Structures are given as C-alpha cells and as structure tokens.
Amino acid sequence: MRTAENWKDYKIIDTSEGEKLESWGGRILVRPDPQIIWKTPRKSDLWEKADAVYHRSAKGGGEWEYRRRLPESWEIGYDDLRFVIRPTGFKHTGLFPEQAVNWELMSSLIKNAGRPVKVLNLFAYTGGATLACAAAGAQVSHVDASKGMVQWARDNAAASGLSDKPIRWLVDDCEKFVRREIRRGNFYDAVVMDPPSYGRGPGGEVWKLEDSVFELVKTCAGVLSDKPLFFLLNSYTTGLSPSVMAYILSELLVPRYGGSVTADEIGLPVEKASMPLPCGSTAVYLPG
C-alpha cells in the first residue's frame, strides 16, 4: 500500500465500527467508512469531543450533527497547496487526502519530464490533481460534469495562488469531451481519471463503473499523445481491484507504447493503530 504520510493539517486519529475520527486543520469530524468493518475499542477521548458527526440514513444519504459551531468552510494545506474544506450533505468534505501520494508522483514526473506537458484531468472533482500538476509546471484541462465542483476547484486554485496558471476549467461530460478532443486532434501527454462508482447515461439509465470501466478507459486512452508521460486511473469502487485496473491499462496501453503498469491500494496512517487505513486504489501506466 502507498500511504500519504506527509500531511500536517490532516490526520486520521482512530477508526472503529464503521467510522473514522479525523482532524481537518484542528476541526474534529466523525465520518462513516465502509472499509472499517472492525469493532475495536475506541482509543481516543476525542470521539466524545468531536465537532461534528455524520449520521447515515437508512433511506440513503444522511446528515451532520454539529456539536460545536463550525465555519461554513475553512482551509488546510499540503506543501504549497491550499484546499477549501466544507462538510457536504453526502459526508464528503471536498478532499480525498490519500490522493496526496498521487499528487507527489505526478508532480515529480512533470518536473523531470524536460519538456512541456499537457495534462487532462477527468472527473476532476475539486482539483487536487489539477493543482498539483499545474504547480509542477503542466498545462491542465480540468473537466467535471458538476458546475459546483469546478467552481470549488477554482476556489482551491485561488487559495493556492495558482489562478494565473494555464488551467482550462470545463463543465462537461468527461467521455463526450474526450471524444470531441479526439475529433479535433487535441491530444494530451498525461491523463488522470477518477470516475465515480455509479453514474447515469444520457437516457437516465444507471451504470456501474466495474461494468463500464474498460470501454471508458479505452475511449480516454485515445486522447494520449504519441509520447505519453503517464496515465493514472483511480477507483473507490470496492468491486474493482488494483490488479483488474492494472490489467486494463496494460491491455490498452502497453501494446501501443511499451512501458509498464503498476497498481496498489492507497491509504492513510491512523494515529492510534499500527496499520494504515486503505482508502482506494490506483493504477499507473508509465512508458518504457
């Protein structure tokens, strides 16, 4: 497992019975996590002193119980990047801290590329990967179907002092955007994909990522330039293992470009435990 160990403004303090106890810049939150199936004793008194707790509803969704007044939003930092944190009605806060391991990887690849790099960030959410790549010197196209998420990403760029960087902010359907870019002859040196576990098609039909991921990656691989720097695929879908993701990237990219694929879980350290918490999976293609 690749673990994001360099956070100063964020930490997981403890985990037990389907919940994690977190510090977000000193604000203590309790949020559900389906990975936490163990019922270990709770080792921190901060469980009882949390500022806010998210309670799931049996009907789906849930709501926050605020035990202390919190600001509507606040900022935390990672290296030179700044992120606006805001608890949402879907338990999320606008950031996945475990992705810091990928920000570091992409930043290093871009800085050492020795050439201009164009990055396409798909399903780009609030822009963690966008900011990391832009700060490293890349030109980035940030694409997400949610106008609110794209604005949140722009706010993060402003907080990080990156508003003047060459970033295209695009509210669009990711797959449709990629198909148009291919027709227009616009290609990219690197692609980052963080597709949701579930989605809806143009006719309202529900699709699952594990059923659609091969064709989705196949389409997006078509927008790579002749000399790609990397292709990074993230997943938070429990039915999609790192090895399956690696197999897909290997089948679609290695025959065309050579190189290799690595894949692993990514996670975060837990202050009160000896093991990190698994938080998702990433597969990365690198040319030979």
Protein backbone atom coordinates (compact mmCIF):
# COMPACT_ATOMS: atom_id res chain seq x y z
CA MET A 1 0.00 0.00 0.00
CA ARG A 2 1.17 3.52 -0.83
CA THR A 3 0.48 5.71 2.20
CA ALA A 4 0.09 9.50 2.28
CA GLU A 5 2.35 10.14 5.26
CA ASN A 6 3.32 13.78 4.79
CA TRP A 7 0.16 15.56 5.91
CA LYS A 8 0.44 18.15 8.68
CA ASP A 9 -3.07 19.67 8.55
CA TYR A 10 -4.96 16.37 8.30
CA LYS A 11 -4.89 13.07 10.18
CA ILE A 12 -6.99 10.04 10.99
CA ILE A 13 -6.90 9.68 14.74
CA ASP A 14 -8.80 6.43 15.24
CA THR A 15 -11.18 4.00 13.49
CA SER A 16 -13.84 1.62 14.77
CA GLU A 17 -17.31 0.23 13.99
CA GLY A 18 -17.70 1.74 10.54
CA GLU A 19 -16.44 5.21 11.46
CA LYS A 20 -13.23 7.23 11.33
CA LEU A 21 -12.23 10.03 13.68
CA GLU A 22 -10.42 12.75 11.75
CA SER A 23 -8.75 16.11 12.31
CA TRP A 24 -9.16 18.59 9.46
CA GLY A 25 -6.97 21.52 10.39
CA GLY A 26 -7.89 21.05 14.04
CA ARG A 27 -11.63 20.54 13.43
CA ILE A 28 -12.60 17.06 14.63
CA LEU A 29 -15.07 15.16 12.44
CA VAL A 30 -16.52 11.64 12.63
CA ARG A 31 -17.49 10.15 9.27
CA PRO A 32 -18.65 6.69 8.15
CA ASP A 33 -16.32 4.49 6.13
CA PRO A 34 -17.42 1.13 4.67
CA GLN A 35 -13.87 -0.25 4.88
CA ILE A 36 -13.92 -0.08 8.67
CA ILE A 37 -15.58 -3.40 9.48
CA TRP A 38 -13.71 -4.00 12.73
CA LYS A 39 -15.16 -3.36 16.19
CA THR A 40 -12.02 -2.49 18.09
CA PRO A 41 -12.08 -0.46 21.32
CA ARG A 42 -12.11 3.30 20.70
CA LYS A 43 -8.71 4.56 21.79
CA SER A 44 -9.21 8.33 21.79
CA ASP A 45 -11.35 10.56 24.02
CA LEU A 46 -11.87 12.83 21.01
CA TRP A 47 -14.69 10.56 19.84
CA GLU A 48 -16.83 12.22 22.52
CA LYS A 49 -15.43 15.68 21.79
CA ALA A 50 -15.89 15.74 18.01
CA ASP A 51 -17.11 19.00 16.49
CA ALA A 52 -19.43 17.20 14.06
CA VAL A 53 -20.63 13.66 13.35
CA TYR A 54 -22.14 12.42 10.10
CA HIS A 55 -25.05 10.03 10.55
CA ARG A 56 -26.15 7.82 7.68
CA SER A 57 -29.86 7.44 6.98
CA ALA A 58 -31.45 4.04 6.36
CA LYS A 59 -33.19 5.67 3.38
CA GLY A 60 -29.88 6.75 1.85
CA GLY A 61 -27.74 9.83 2.35
CA GLY A 62 -27.57 11.25 5.84
CA GLU A 63 -26.92 14.43 7.77
CA TRP A 64 -24.41 16.17 10.00
CA GLU A 65 -24.89 16.56 13.73
CA TYR A 66 -22.98 19.68 14.72
CA ARG A 67 -21.92 19.54 18.35
CA ARG A 68 -20.00 22.80 18.11
CA ARG A 69 -20.34 25.72 15.76
CA LEU A 70 -18.08 25.32 12.74
CA PRO A 71 -17.37 27.84 10.00
CA GLU A 72 -19.12 27.13 6.72
CA SER A 73 -15.69 26.43 5.24
CA TRP A 74 -12.03 26.60 6.19
CA GLU A 75 -8.65 25.87 4.59
CA ILE A 76 -5.98 23.25 5.07
CA GLY A 77 -2.63 22.97 3.32
CA TYR A 78 -0.41 20.31 1.80
CA ASP A 79 3.05 21.62 0.89
CA ASP A 80 2.28 24.79 -1.08
CA LEU A 81 -1.27 23.77 -1.99
CA ARG A 82 -4.33 25.08 -0.15
CA PHE A 83 -7.75 23.46 -0.08
CA VAL A 84 -11.14 24.78 0.97
CA ILE A 85 -12.83 22.26 3.28
CA ARG A 86 -16.61 22.25 3.52
CA PRO A 87 -18.73 19.41 5.01
CA THR A 88 -21.36 18.41 2.46
CA GLY A 89 -24.67 16.58 2.73
CA PHE A 90 -23.04 13.46 1.27
CA LYS A 91 -20.48 13.10 4.13
CA HIS A 92 -17.61 14.41 1.95
CA THR A 93 -15.52 17.47 2.75
CA GLY A 94 -14.25 18.32 -0.74
CA LEU A 95 -10.93 16.50 -0.49
CA PHE A 96 -9.56 12.95 -0.52
CA PRO A 97 -6.29 13.29 1.48
CA GLU A 98 -4.95 9.87 0.43
CA GLN A 99 -4.57 11.25 -3.10
CA ALA A 100 -1.51 13.17 -1.90
CA VAL A 101 0.59 10.13 -2.85
CA ASN A 102 -0.54 10.62 -6.45
CA TRP A 103 -0.05 14.39 -6.36
CA GLU A 104 3.58 13.77 -5.41
CA LEU A 105 4.06 11.15 -8.13
CA MET A 106 2.57 13.30 -10.89
CA SER A 107 4.44 16.39 -9.74
CA SER A 108 7.76 14.53 -9.86
CA LEU A 109 7.07 13.12 -13.34
CA ILE A 110 6.13 16.54 -14.71
CA LYS A 111 9.09 18.35 -13.16
CA ASN A 112 11.52 15.75 -14.54
CA ALA A 113 9.94 15.46 -17.99
CA GLY A 114 12.26 18.02 -19.56
CA ARG A 115 9.50 19.19 -21.93
CA PRO A 116 6.13 20.97 -21.85
CA VAL A 117 3.40 18.68 -20.51
CA LYS A 118 -0.34 18.83 -21.22
CA VAL A 119 -2.48 17.04 -18.62
CA LEU A 120 -6.14 16.07 -18.92
CA ASN A 121 -7.82 15.60 -15.53
CA LEU A 122 -11.17 13.82 -15.95
CA PHE A 123 -13.86 13.55 -13.26
CA ALA A 124 -11.64 16.16 -11.67
CA TYR A 125 -13.79 16.97 -8.60
CA THR A 126 -12.32 19.84 -6.55
CA GLY A 127 -8.98 19.80 -8.31
CA GLY A 128 -6.34 18.23 -6.10
CA ALA A 129 -4.60 16.60 -9.09
CA THR A 130 -5.16 19.71 -11.20
CA LEU A 131 -3.40 21.94 -8.68
CA ALA A 132 -0.52 19.51 -8.16
CA CYS A 133 0.11 19.23 -11.91
CA ALA A 134 -0.25 22.97 -12.53
CA ALA A 135 2.09 23.81 -9.66
CA ALA A 136 4.66 21.42 -11.19
CA GLY A 137 4.54 23.34 -14.47
CA ALA A 138 1.96 21.49 -16.57
CA GLN A 139 -0.82 22.93 -18.69
CA VAL A 140 -4.01 21.33 -17.35
CA SER A 141 -7.53 20.79 -18.67
CA HIS A 142 -9.84 20.20 -15.70
CA VAL A 143 -13.12 18.50 -16.63
CA ASP A 144 -16.07 17.69 -14.38
CA ALA A 145 -19.80 17.49 -15.05
CA SER A 146 -20.65 19.42 -11.87
CA LYS A 147 -20.54 23.20 -12.13
CA GLY A 148 -20.33 23.44 -8.34
CA MET A 149 -17.30 21.15 -8.17
CA VAL A 150 -15.49 23.08 -10.90
CA GLN A 151 -16.10 26.33 -9.01
CA TRP A 152 -14.80 24.69 -5.82
CA ALA A 153 -11.67 23.66 -7.74
CA ARG A 154 -11.23 27.25 -8.94
CA ASP A 155 -11.53 28.42 -5.33
CA ASN A 156 -8.79 25.96 -4.38
CA ALA A 157 -6.60 27.29 -7.18
CA ALA A 158 -7.11 30.83 -5.91
CA ALA A 159 -6.32 29.78 -2.34
CA SER A 160 -3.14 28.11 -3.61
CA GLY A 161 -2.03 31.14 -5.62
CA LEU A 162 -2.44 29.25 -8.90
CA SER A 163 -5.19 31.26 -10.58
CA ASP A 164 -2.77 32.57 -13.21
CA LYS A 165 -1.58 29.10 -14.22
CA PRO A 166 -2.62 27.65 -17.63
CA ILE A 167 -5.68 25.73 -16.42
CA ARG A 168 -8.82 25.25 -18.54
CA TRP A 169 -11.89 24.90 -16.33
CA LEU A 170 -14.52 22.83 -18.16
CA VAL A 171 -18.01 21.83 -17.04
CA ASP A 172 -18.74 18.89 -19.33
CA ASP A 173 -19.47 15.19 -19.63
CA CYS A 174 -15.99 13.66 -19.50
CA GLU A 175 -16.46 10.92 -22.09
CA LYS A 176 -18.18 13.24 -24.56
CA PHE A 177 -15.45 15.84 -24.06
CA VAL A 178 -12.74 13.26 -24.79
CA ARG A 179 -14.48 12.14 -27.99
CA ARG A 180 -14.67 15.75 -29.18
CA GLU A 181 -10.99 16.35 -28.36
CA ILE A 182 -10.00 13.30 -30.41
CA ARG A 183 -12.06 14.54 -33.38
CA ARG A 184 -10.48 17.98 -33.03
CA GLY A 185 -6.98 16.49 -32.94
CA ASN A 186 -6.26 17.74 -29.41
CA PHE A 187 -4.05 15.27 -27.56
CA TYR A 188 -2.50 15.13 -24.08
CA ASP A 189 0.75 13.88 -22.60
CA ALA A 190 -0.91 12.65 -19.42
CA VAL A 191 -4.40 11.61 -18.37
CA VAL A 192 -5.79 11.40 -14.83
CA MET A 193 -9.11 9.62 -14.32
CA ASP A 194 -11.14 9.42 -11.11
CA PRO A 195 -14.53 8.12 -12.30
CA PRO A 196 -17.42 7.65 -9.86
CA SER A 197 -18.62 4.22 -8.81
CA TYR A 198 -22.06 4.91 -10.22
CA GLY A 199 -23.38 7.18 -12.94
CA ARG A 200 -26.28 7.83 -15.24
CA GLY A 201 -26.32 7.62 -19.01
CA PRO A 202 -27.91 10.19 -21.33
CA GLY A 203 -31.26 8.39 -21.08
CA GLY A 204 -31.18 8.28 -17.29
CA GLU A 205 -30.02 4.67 -17.16
CA VAL A 206 -27.82 3.73 -14.21
CA TRP A 207 -24.38 2.30 -14.92
CA LYS A 208 -21.77 0.78 -12.62
CA LEU A 209 -18.10 1.56 -13.06
CA GLU A 210 -16.99 -2.09 -12.98
CA ASP A 211 -19.32 -2.78 -15.92
CA SER A 212 -18.22 0.26 -17.93
CA VAL A 213 -14.61 0.93 -16.97
CA PHE A 214 -12.94 -0.94 -19.85
CA GLU A 215 -14.75 0.98 -22.60
CA LEU A 216 -14.37 4.23 -20.66
CA VAL A 217 -10.60 3.83 -20.31
CA LYS A 218 -10.36 2.67 -23.93
CA THR A 219 -12.01 5.87 -25.09
CA CYS A 220 -9.88 8.08 -22.86
CA ALA A 221 -6.66 6.33 -23.90
CA GLY A 222 -7.37 7.59 -27.40
CA VAL A 223 -6.62 11.16 -26.37
CA LEU A 224 -2.99 10.39 -25.44
CA SER A 225 -0.18 11.95 -27.48
CA ASP A 226 2.48 9.90 -29.26
CA LYS A 227 4.85 10.33 -26.29
CA PRO A 228 2.75 9.96 -23.14
CA LEU A 229 4.18 10.76 -19.74
CA PHE A 230 1.65 8.84 -17.65
CA PHE A 231 -1.92 7.56 -17.42
CA LEU A 232 -3.33 7.37 -13.91
CA LEU A 233 -6.60 5.62 -13.03
CA ASN A 234 -8.19 5.93 -9.58
CA SER A 235 -11.04 3.90 -8.14
CA TYR A 236 -13.04 3.90 -4.92
CA THR A 237 -15.20 1.02 -6.13
CA THR A 238 -14.79 -1.99 -3.84
CA GLY A 239 -15.52 -4.42 -6.70
CA LEU A 240 -12.66 -3.08 -8.82
CA SER A 241 -9.32 -4.36 -7.57
CA PRO A 242 -5.94 -2.74 -8.30
CA SER A 243 -4.95 -5.81 -10.32
CA VAL A 244 -8.01 -5.52 -12.56
CA MET A 245 -7.25 -1.85 -13.18
CA ALA A 246 -3.65 -2.71 -13.99
CA TYR A 247 -4.75 -5.43 -16.41
CA ILE A 248 -6.99 -2.95 -18.27
CA LEU A 249 -4.25 -0.33 -18.60
CA SER A 250 -1.74 -2.97 -19.65
CA GLU A 251 -4.01 -4.32 -22.39
CA LEU A 252 -4.87 -0.87 -23.73
CA LEU A 253 -1.55 0.99 -23.47
CA VAL A 254 1.45 -1.34 -23.36
CA PRO A 255 0.95 -2.83 -26.88
CA ARG A 256 0.84 0.69 -28.33
CA TYR A 257 3.52 2.46 -26.29
CA GLY A 258 5.57 -0.18 -24.48
CA GLY A 259 6.28 0.57 -20.84
CA SER A 260 4.62 -0.95 -17.81
CA VAL A 261 1.79 -0.60 -15.30
CA THR A 262 1.86 -0.67 -11.52
CA ALA A 263 -1.15 -0.77 -9.21
CA ASP A 264 -1.75 -0.69 -5.49
CA GLU A 265 -4.06 0.40 -2.74
CA ILE A 266 -3.55 3.89 -1.41
CA GLY A 267 -4.16 4.78 2.21
CA LEU A 268 -3.62 7.00 5.22
CA PRO A 269 -1.87 6.40 8.53
CA VAL A 270 -4.02 6.02 11.63
CA GLU A 271 -2.61 7.67 14.75
CA LYS A 272 -4.00 5.06 17.15
CA ALA A 273 -3.18 2.00 15.03
CA SER A 274 -0.13 0.26 13.62
CA MET A 275 -1.68 -0.20 10.17
CA PRO A 276 -2.74 2.42 7.63
CA LEU A 277 -6.37 2.61 6.54
CA PRO A 278 -6.94 1.50 2.91
CA CYS A 279 -8.82 4.27 1.11
CA GLY A 280 -8.86 3.41 -2.59
CA SER A 281 -6.83 2.04 -5.48
CA THR A 282 -4.64 3.49 -8.21
CA ALA A 283 -3.15 2.03 -11.36
CA VAL A 284 -0.42 3.98 -13.17
CA TYR A 285 0.92 3.46 -16.70
CA LEU A 286 4.46 4.71 -17.39
CA PRO A 287 6.21 4.49 -20.76
CA GLY A 288 9.39 2.47 -21.14
